[in-house]
Amino acid sequence: MSDPPAHAVEKLKEEGTRDVWLIQRPGQRRRVLKRWRLTPGMALRILFALSPPQRIRRSIARIDATGLSTPRVVGRWSFRRSGRRRVVQLELDYAEGETLHEYGLRCSGEGVRQPDEVVWLGRTIGRAIGSIAERGYVHRDFKAGNLVISRARDGAISGLTLIDTDGVRGVRLRTSAIARMAAQLDRSLRNFSFDRHLSAAARMAFWRGALAGLGRVERRDVCRRTRERR
């Protein structure tokens, strides 16, 4: 799309008029730089506060109280020149660790070394989905590749970070939001194989967290909507 930014380490993604880079300045931690080409359409979205960097900042505030951490924004979004083009860019902290997708692949190949981890992940993710929906929001791309598992020095899981916060939108029905996020997550985990009893325990922990506070009729509605989305 444009020339590499200063201190670029790796291009993480490029889609249309957007590219995402891993950067590291001397003596600093690694960060993520997201850039969008400044087109007339982008300028109009900025005018109405609907541009991606503006949405990301709002979405982070919406996620903060749900039990999931999010990458912190570094400074303000800004305009820059990249070669002959002008871009809008936003810099965020880089979430160190492996994605839930990578974790699932590793466990499928090597086996699950810590079964309690899988149950903890199920419970934590379920509670986060339930909390997002309870606050009147839905994440439109809630999948394993957007969840990063961080670990302490002793190897124990220390947290879970949602790295894509651009997809958070308002929603009217809490049950619909839970079903959509649960179905998306399920599709992104379909190729992973775990022990049957462990999978059952993790799923039970997930649904207990996601459905907490809902009545029987609402729970049935979530299950019905989830099945329809699969």
C-alpha atoms as a PDB file:
ATOM      1  CA  MET A   1       0.000   0.000   0.000  1.00  0.00           C
ATOM      2  CA  SER A   2       2.690   2.479   1.081  1.00  0.00           C
ATOM      3  CA  ASP A   3       6.352   2.553   2.039  1.00  0.00           C
ATOM      4  CA  PRO A   4       7.335   0.696   5.244  1.00  0.00           C
ATOM      5  CA  PRO A   5       7.239   2.900   8.352  1.00  0.00           C
ATOM      6  CA  ALA A   6      10.343   3.792  10.330  1.00  0.00           C
ATOM      7  CA  HIS A   7      11.597   1.015  12.642  1.00  0.00           C
ATOM      8  CA  ALA A   8       9.475  -1.603  10.851  1.00  0.00           C
ATOM      9  CA  VAL A   9      10.136  -5.188  11.958  1.00  0.00           C
ATOM     10  CA  GLU A  10       7.454  -7.070  10.043  1.00  0.00           C
ATOM     11  CA  LYS A  11       4.297  -6.452   8.029  1.00  0.00           C
ATOM     12  CA  LEU A  12       1.494  -8.211   9.899  1.00  0.00           C
ATOM     13  CA  LYS A  13      -1.374  -7.606   7.498  1.00  0.00           C
ATOM     14  CA  GLU A  14      -2.397  -5.756   4.348  1.00  0.00           C
ATOM     15  CA  GLU A  15      -5.991  -5.417   3.209  1.00  0.00           C
ATOM     16  CA  GLY A  16      -7.080  -2.938   0.560  1.00  0.00           C
ATOM     17  CA  THR A  17      -6.150   0.544   1.772  1.00  0.00           C
ATOM     18  CA  ARG A  18      -4.961  -0.648   5.193  1.00  0.00           C
ATOM     19  CA  ASP A  19      -1.710  -2.147   6.374  1.00  0.00           C
ATOM     20  CA  VAL A  20      -0.542  -3.219   9.836  1.00  0.00           C
ATOM     21  CA  TRP A  21       3.109  -3.257  10.932  1.00  0.00           C
ATOM     22  CA  LEU A  22       5.101  -4.501  13.889  1.00  0.00           C
ATOM     23  CA  ILE A  23       7.595  -1.776  14.799  1.00  0.00           C
ATOM     24  CA  GLN A  24      10.285  -1.420  17.447  1.00  0.00           C
ATOM     25  CA  ARG A  25      12.160   1.768  18.184  1.00  0.00           C
ATOM     26  CA  PRO A  26      15.615   1.487  19.789  1.00  0.00           C
ATOM     27  CA  GLY A  27      15.298   0.873  23.530  1.00  0.00           C
ATOM     28  CA  GLN A  28      11.489   0.534  23.420  1.00  0.00           C
ATOM     29  CA  ARG A  29       9.025  -2.329  23.473  1.00  0.00           C
ATOM     30  CA  ARG A  30       7.455  -3.596  20.270  1.00  0.00           C
ATOM     31  CA  ARG A  31       4.293  -1.883  19.084  1.00  0.00           C
ATOM     32  CA  VAL A  32       1.683  -2.236  16.359  1.00  0.00           C
ATOM     33  CA  LEU A  33       1.225   0.516  13.790  1.00  0.00           C
ATOM     34  CA  LYS A  34      -2.047   0.532  11.865  1.00  0.00           C
ATOM     35  CA  ARG A  35      -2.287   2.729   8.764  1.00  0.00           C
ATOM     36  CA  TRP A  36      -5.139   3.631   6.418  1.00  0.00           C
ATOM     37  CA  ARG A  37      -4.790   5.488   3.133  1.00  0.00           C
ATOM     38  CA  LEU A  38      -6.293   8.970   3.338  1.00  0.00           C
ATOM     39  CA  THR A  39      -8.982   8.824   0.670  1.00  0.00           C
ATOM     40  CA  PRO A  40     -11.980  11.175   0.250  1.00  0.00           C
ATOM     41  CA  GLY A  41     -14.131   8.488   1.864  1.00  0.00           C
ATOM     42  CA  MET A  42     -11.763   8.232   4.832  1.00  0.00           C
ATOM     43  CA  ALA A  43     -11.775  12.021   5.221  1.00  0.00           C
ATOM     44  CA  LEU A  44     -15.581  11.980   5.349  1.00  0.00           C
ATOM     45  CA  ARG A  45     -15.566   9.221   7.991  1.00  0.00           C
ATOM     46  CA  ILE A  46     -13.114  11.243  10.071  1.00  0.00           C
ATOM     47  CA  LEU A  47     -15.438  14.255   9.838  1.00  0.00           C
ATOM     48  CA  PHE A  48     -18.289  12.198  11.313  1.00  0.00           C
ATOM     49  CA  ALA A  49     -16.035  10.414  13.858  1.00  0.00           C
ATOM     50  CA  LEU A  50     -16.558   7.071  12.099  1.00  0.00           C
ATOM     51  CA  SER A  51     -13.015   6.364  10.919  1.00  0.00           C
ATOM     52  CA  PRO A  52     -11.232   3.164  12.058  1.00  0.00           C
ATOM     53  CA  PRO A  53      -8.864   4.882  14.530  1.00  0.00           C
ATOM     54  CA  GLN A  54     -11.778   6.721  16.117  1.00  0.00           C
ATOM     55  CA  ARG A  55     -13.840   3.521  16.317  1.00  0.00           C
ATOM     56  CA  ILE A  56     -10.930   1.619  17.843  1.00  0.00           C
ATOM     57  CA  ARG A  57     -10.521   4.151  20.654  1.00  0.00           C
ATOM     58  CA  ARG A  58     -14.242   3.980  21.459  1.00  0.00           C
ATOM     59  CA  SER A  59     -14.279   0.202  21.324  1.00  0.00           C
ATOM     60  CA  ILE A  60     -11.374  -0.113  23.763  1.00  0.00           C
ATOM     61  CA  ALA A  61     -13.375   1.869  26.311  1.00  0.00           C
ATOM     62  CA  ARG A  62     -16.347  -0.464  25.757  1.00  0.00           C
ATOM     63  CA  ILE A  63     -14.268  -3.615  26.279  1.00  0.00           C
ATOM     64  CA  ASP A  64     -12.318  -2.423  29.324  1.00  0.00           C
ATOM     65  CA  ALA A  65     -14.932  -3.495  31.890  1.00  0.00           C
ATOM     66  CA  THR A  66     -15.528  -6.990  30.485  1.00  0.00           C
ATOM     67  CA  GLY A  67     -12.604  -8.953  31.924  1.00  0.00           C
ATOM     68  CA  LEU A  68     -10.565  -8.879  28.720  1.00  0.00           C
ATOM     69  CA  SER A  69      -7.603  -6.592  28.317  1.00  0.00           C
ATOM     70  CA  THR A  70      -7.000  -4.670  25.084  1.00  0.00           C
ATOM     71  CA  PRO A  71      -3.878  -3.103  23.558  1.00  0.00           C
ATOM     72  CA  ARG A  72      -3.391   0.425  24.826  1.00  0.00           C
ATOM     73  CA  VAL A  73      -3.343   3.267  22.311  1.00  0.00           C
ATOM     74  CA  VAL A  74      -0.008   5.090  22.223  1.00  0.00           C
ATOM     75  CA  GLY A  75      -0.502   8.827  21.755  1.00  0.00           C
ATOM     76  CA  ARG A  76      -3.118  10.094  19.306  1.00  0.00           C
ATOM     77  CA  TRP A  77      -4.015   9.015  15.802  1.00  0.00           C
ATOM     78  CA  SER A  78      -2.338  11.250  13.260  1.00  0.00           C
ATOM     79  CA  PHE A  79      -1.737  12.063   9.608  1.00  0.00           C
ATOM     80  CA  ARG A  80       1.569  11.119   7.996  1.00  0.00           C
ATOM     81  CA  ARG A  81       3.129  10.985   4.543  1.00  0.00           C
ATOM     82  CA  SER A  82       4.233   7.586   3.288  1.00  0.00           C
ATOM     83  CA  GLY A  83       6.057   7.955  -0.013  1.00  0.00           C
ATOM     84  CA  ARG A  84       3.704   9.863  -2.301  1.00  0.00           C
ATOM     85  CA  ARG A  85       0.625   8.995  -0.258  1.00  0.00           C
ATOM     86  CA  ARG A  86      -0.892  10.387   2.884  1.00  0.00           C
ATOM     87  CA  VAL A  87      -2.080   7.995   5.562  1.00  0.00           C
ATOM     88  CA  VAL A  88      -3.966   8.049   8.842  1.00  0.00           C
ATOM     89  CA  GLN A  89      -2.191   6.012  11.482  1.00  0.00           C
ATOM     90  CA  LEU A  90      -2.710   4.726  14.992  1.00  0.00           C
ATOM     91  CA  GLU A  91      -0.102   3.132  17.237  1.00  0.00           C
ATOM     92  CA  LEU A  92      -0.909   0.534  19.904  1.00  0.00           C
ATOM     93  CA  ASP A  93       0.957  -1.654  22.357  1.00  0.00           C
ATOM     94  CA  TYR A  94       1.845  -5.096  21.025  1.00  0.00           C
ATOM     95  CA  ALA A  95       0.255  -8.023  22.857  1.00  0.00           C
ATOM     96  CA  GLU A  96       3.036 -10.536  23.539  1.00  0.00           C
ATOM     97  CA  GLY A  97       2.044 -14.197  23.517  1.00  0.00           C
ATOM     98  CA  GLU A  98       0.328 -16.773  21.344  1.00  0.00           C
ATOM     99  CA  THR A  99      -3.161 -16.467  19.932  1.00  0.00           C
ATOM    100  CA  LEU A 100      -5.872 -18.875  20.985  1.00  0.00           C
ATOM    101  CA  HIS A 101      -5.679 -20.200  17.409  1.00  0.00           C
ATOM    102  CA  GLU A 102      -1.972 -20.969  17.820  1.00  0.00           C
ATOM    103  CA  TYR A 103      -2.618 -22.472  21.253  1.00  0.00           C
ATOM    104  CA  GLY A 104      -5.279 -24.770  19.807  1.00  0.00           C
ATOM    105  CA  LEU A 105      -2.989 -25.923  17.008  1.00  0.00           C
ATOM    106  CA  ARG A 106      -0.194 -26.653  19.475  1.00  0.00           C
ATOM    107  CA  CYS A 107      -2.466 -28.597  21.823  1.00  0.00           C
ATOM    108  CA  SER A 108      -3.906 -30.575  18.901  1.00  0.00           C
ATOM    109  CA  GLY A 109      -0.409 -31.600  17.859  1.00  0.00           C
ATOM    110  CA  GLU A 110       1.368 -32.011  21.190  1.00  0.00           C
ATOM    111  CA  GLY A 111      -1.508 -32.752  23.552  1.00  0.00           C
ATOM    112  CA  VAL A 112      -2.809 -30.646  26.434  1.00  0.00           C
ATOM    113  CA  ARG A 113      -0.175 -30.358  29.147  1.00  0.00           C
ATOM    114  CA  GLN A 114      -2.291 -28.314  31.561  1.00  0.00           C
ATOM    115  CA  PRO A 115      -5.995 -29.294  31.337  1.00  0.00           C
ATOM    116  CA  ASP A 116      -6.943 -26.610  33.851  1.00  0.00           C
ATOM    117  CA  GLU A 117      -5.758 -23.998  31.341  1.00  0.00           C
ATOM    118  CA  VAL A 118      -8.347 -25.053  28.773  1.00  0.00           C
ATOM    119  CA  VAL A 119     -11.157 -24.869  31.332  1.00  0.00           C
ATOM    120  CA  TRP A 120      -9.902 -21.479  32.567  1.00  0.00           C
ATOM    121  CA  LEU A 121      -9.832 -20.149  29.016  1.00  0.00           C
ATOM    122  CA  GLY A 122     -13.364 -21.393  28.391  1.00  0.00           C
ATOM    123  CA  ARG A 123     -14.662 -19.768  31.563  1.00  0.00           C
ATOM    124  CA  THR A 124     -12.837 -16.466  30.980  1.00  0.00           C
ATOM    125  CA  ILE A 125     -13.931 -16.152  27.360  1.00  0.00           C
ATOM    126  CA  GLY A 126     -17.517 -17.072  28.222  1.00  0.00           C
ATOM    127  CA  ARG A 127     -17.671 -14.425  30.932  1.00  0.00           C
ATOM    128  CA  ALA A 128     -16.188 -11.839  28.570  1.00  0.00           C
ATOM    129  CA  ILE A 129     -18.760 -12.589  25.864  1.00  0.00           C
ATOM    130  CA  GLY A 130     -21.564 -12.388  28.404  1.00  0.00           C
ATOM    131  CA  SER A 131     -20.214  -9.114  29.767  1.00  0.00           C
ATOM    132  CA  ILE A 132     -19.868  -7.542  26.310  1.00  0.00           C
ATOM    133  CA  ALA A 133     -23.454  -8.483  25.473  1.00  0.00           C
ATOM    134  CA  GLU A 134     -24.765  -7.356  28.870  1.00  0.00           C
ATOM    135  CA  ARG A 135     -23.407  -3.872  28.161  1.00  0.00           C
ATOM    136  CA  GLY A 136     -25.307  -3.714  24.879  1.00  0.00           C
ATOM    137  CA  TYR A 137     -22.495  -4.547  22.456  1.00  0.00           C
ATOM    138  CA  VAL A 138     -21.387  -7.288  20.092  1.00  0.00           C
ATOM    139  CA  HIS A 139     -17.931  -7.966  18.671  1.00  0.00           C
ATOM    140  CA  ARG A 140     -18.448  -8.775  14.985  1.00  0.00           C
ATOM    141  CA  ASP A 141     -15.196 -10.724  14.615  1.00  0.00           C
ATOM    142  CA  PHE A 142     -14.827 -12.613  17.892  1.00  0.00           C
ATOM    143  CA  LYS A 143     -12.515 -15.467  16.912  1.00  0.00           C
ATOM    144  CA  ALA A 144      -9.541 -17.438  18.173  1.00  0.00           C
ATOM    145  CA  GLY A 145      -7.042 -15.464  16.093  1.00  0.00           C
ATOM    146  CA  ASN A 146      -8.040 -12.226  17.843  1.00  0.00           C
ATOM    147  CA  LEU A 147      -7.436 -13.515  21.392  1.00  0.00           C
ATOM    148  CA  VAL A 148      -3.846 -13.523  22.689  1.00  0.00           C
ATOM    149  CA  ILE A 149      -2.783 -15.583  25.711  1.00  0.00           C
ATOM    150  CA  SER A 150      -0.062 -13.982  27.824  1.00  0.00           C
ATOM    151  CA  ARG A 151       2.074 -15.868  30.346  1.00  0.00           C
ATOM    152  CA  ALA A 152       4.095 -15.098  33.434  1.00  0.00           C
ATOM    153  CA  ARG A 153       7.767 -16.045  33.735  1.00  0.00           C
ATOM    154  CA  ASP A 154       6.856 -19.390  35.301  1.00  0.00           C
ATOM    155  CA  GLY A 155       4.740 -20.265  32.246  1.00  0.00           C
ATOM    156  CA  ALA A 156       1.341 -19.836  33.905  1.00  0.00           C
ATOM    157  CA  ILE A 157      -1.345 -17.952  32.000  1.00  0.00           C
ATOM    158  CA  SER A 158      -1.429 -14.378  33.238  1.00  0.00           C
ATOM    159  CA  GLY A 159      -4.123 -12.894  31.018  1.00  0.00           C
ATOM    160  CA  LEU A 160      -6.135 -12.820  27.823  1.00  0.00           C
ATOM    161  CA  THR A 161      -6.089  -9.892  25.384  1.00  0.00           C
ATOM    162  CA  LEU A 162      -8.578  -9.041  22.647  1.00  0.00           C
ATOM    163  CA  ILE A 163      -6.359  -7.539  19.943  1.00  0.00           C
ATOM    164  CA  ASP A 164      -9.036  -6.562  17.394  1.00  0.00           C
ATOM    165  CA  THR A 165     -11.288  -3.871  18.836  1.00  0.00           C
ATOM    166  CA  ASP A 166     -12.589  -2.331  15.613  1.00  0.00           C
ATOM    167  CA  GLY A 167     -15.540  -4.702  15.414  1.00  0.00           C
ATOM    168  CA  VAL A 168     -17.435  -3.637  18.551  1.00  0.00           C
ATOM    169  CA  ARG A 169     -20.917  -2.319  17.775  1.00  0.00           C
ATOM    170  CA  GLY A 170     -24.116  -1.628  19.662  1.00  0.00           C
ATOM    171  CA  VAL A 171     -26.799  -4.322  19.608  1.00  0.00           C
ATOM    172  CA  ARG A 172     -30.402  -4.447  20.770  1.00  0.00           C
ATOM    173  CA  LEU A 173     -30.720  -8.071  21.879  1.00  0.00           C
ATOM    174  CA  ARG A 174     -28.320  -9.487  24.444  1.00  0.00           C
ATOM    175  CA  THR A 175     -29.166 -13.037  23.414  1.00  0.00           C
ATOM    176  CA  SER A 176     -28.390 -12.287  19.768  1.00  0.00           C
ATOM    177  CA  ALA A 177     -24.999 -10.797  20.696  1.00  0.00           C
ATOM    178  CA  ILE A 178     -24.000 -13.832  22.773  1.00  0.00           C
ATOM    179  CA  ALA A 179     -25.098 -16.236  20.041  1.00  0.00           C
ATOM    180  CA  ARG A 180     -23.202 -14.384  17.327  1.00  0.00           C
ATOM    181  CA  MET A 181     -19.930 -14.236  19.260  1.00  0.00           C
ATOM    182  CA  ALA A 182     -20.232 -17.835  20.473  1.00  0.00           C
ATOM    183  CA  ALA A 183     -20.891 -19.115  16.946  1.00  0.00           C
ATOM    184  CA  GLN A 184     -17.945 -17.157  15.520  1.00  0.00           C
ATOM    185  CA  LEU A 185     -15.635 -18.508  18.187  1.00  0.00           C
ATOM    186  CA  ASP A 186     -16.884 -22.042  17.649  1.00  0.00           C
ATOM    187  CA  ARG A 187     -16.236 -21.852  13.884  1.00  0.00           C
ATOM    188  CA  SER A 188     -12.687 -20.646  14.478  1.00  0.00           C
ATOM    189  CA  LEU A 189     -11.993 -23.615  16.797  1.00  0.00           C
ATOM    190  CA  ARG A 190     -13.546 -26.403  14.746  1.00  0.00           C
ATOM    191  CA  ASN A 191     -10.281 -27.855  13.467  1.00  0.00           C
ATOM    192  CA  PHE A 192      -8.832 -28.343  16.951  1.00  0.00           C
ATOM    193  CA  SER A 193      -9.139 -31.710  18.678  1.00  0.00           C
ATOM    194  CA  PHE A 194      -9.057 -32.128  22.452  1.00  0.00           C
ATOM    195  CA  ASP A 195      -9.815 -34.959  24.804  1.00  0.00           C
ATOM    196  CA  ARG A 196     -13.579 -35.539  24.828  1.00  0.00           C
ATOM    197  CA  HIS A 197     -13.957 -35.050  28.584  1.00  0.00           C
ATOM    198  CA  LEU A 198     -11.746 -31.958  28.571  1.00  0.00           C
ATOM    199  CA  SER A 199     -13.722 -30.443  25.697  1.00  0.00           C
ATOM    200  CA  ALA A 200     -16.955 -31.044  27.606  1.00  0.00           C
ATOM    201  CA  ALA A 201     -15.553 -29.392  30.745  1.00  0.00           C
ATOM    202  CA  ALA A 202     -14.288 -26.369  28.793  1.00  0.00           C
ATOM    203  CA  ARG A 203     -17.607 -25.959  26.974  1.00  0.00           C
ATOM    204  CA  MET A 204     -19.545 -26.189  30.234  1.00  0.00           C
ATOM    205  CA  ALA A 205     -17.316 -23.531  31.794  1.00  0.00           C
ATOM    206  CA  PHE A 206     -17.756 -21.338  28.715  1.00  0.00           C
ATOM    207  CA  TRP A 207     -21.547 -21.521  28.675  1.00  0.00           C
ATOM    208  CA  ARG A 208     -21.831 -20.994  32.422  1.00  0.00           C
ATOM    209  CA  GLY A 209     -19.871 -17.767  31.995  1.00  0.00           C
ATOM    210  CA  ALA A 210     -21.650 -16.596  28.836  1.00  0.00           C
ATOM    211  CA  LEU A 211     -25.187 -17.287  30.116  1.00  0.00           C
ATOM    212  CA  ALA A 212     -24.744 -16.003  33.676  1.00  0.00           C
ATOM    213  CA  GLY A 213     -27.623 -13.767  34.708  1.00  0.00           C
ATOM    214  CA  LEU A 214     -29.982 -14.927  31.946  1.00  0.00           C
ATOM    215  CA  GLY A 215     -33.325 -16.584  32.590  1.00  0.00           C
ATOM    216  CA  ARG A 216     -34.347 -19.979  31.223  1.00  0.00           C
ATOM    217  CA  VAL A 217     -36.188 -18.545  28.212  1.00  0.00           C
ATOM    218  CA  GLU A 218     -33.241 -16.300  27.305  1.00  0.00           C
ATOM    219  CA  ARG A 219     -30.818 -19.215  27.597  1.00  0.00           C
ATOM    220  CA  ARG A 220     -32.910 -21.283  25.238  1.00  0.00           C
ATOM    221  CA  ASP A 221     -33.009 -18.358  22.822  1.00  0.00           C
ATOM    222  CA  VAL A 222     -29.210 -18.123  22.868  1.00  0.00           C
ATOM    223  CA  CYS A 223     -28.862 -21.853  22.171  1.00  0.00           C
ATOM    224  CA  ARG A 224     -31.350 -21.664  19.307  1.00  0.00           C
ATOM    225  CA  ARG A 225     -29.650 -18.635  17.742  1.00  0.00           C
ATOM    226  CA  THR A 226     -26.215 -20.214  18.123  1.00  0.00           C
ATOM    227  CA  ARG A 227     -27.303 -23.401  16.349  1.00  0.00           C
ATOM    228  CA  GLU A 228     -28.786 -21.339  13.498  1.00  0.00           C
ATOM    229  CA  ARG A 229     -25.495 -19.493  12.994  1.00  0.00           C
ATOM    230  CA  ARG A 230     -23.286 -22.588  12.840  1.00  0.00           C
END
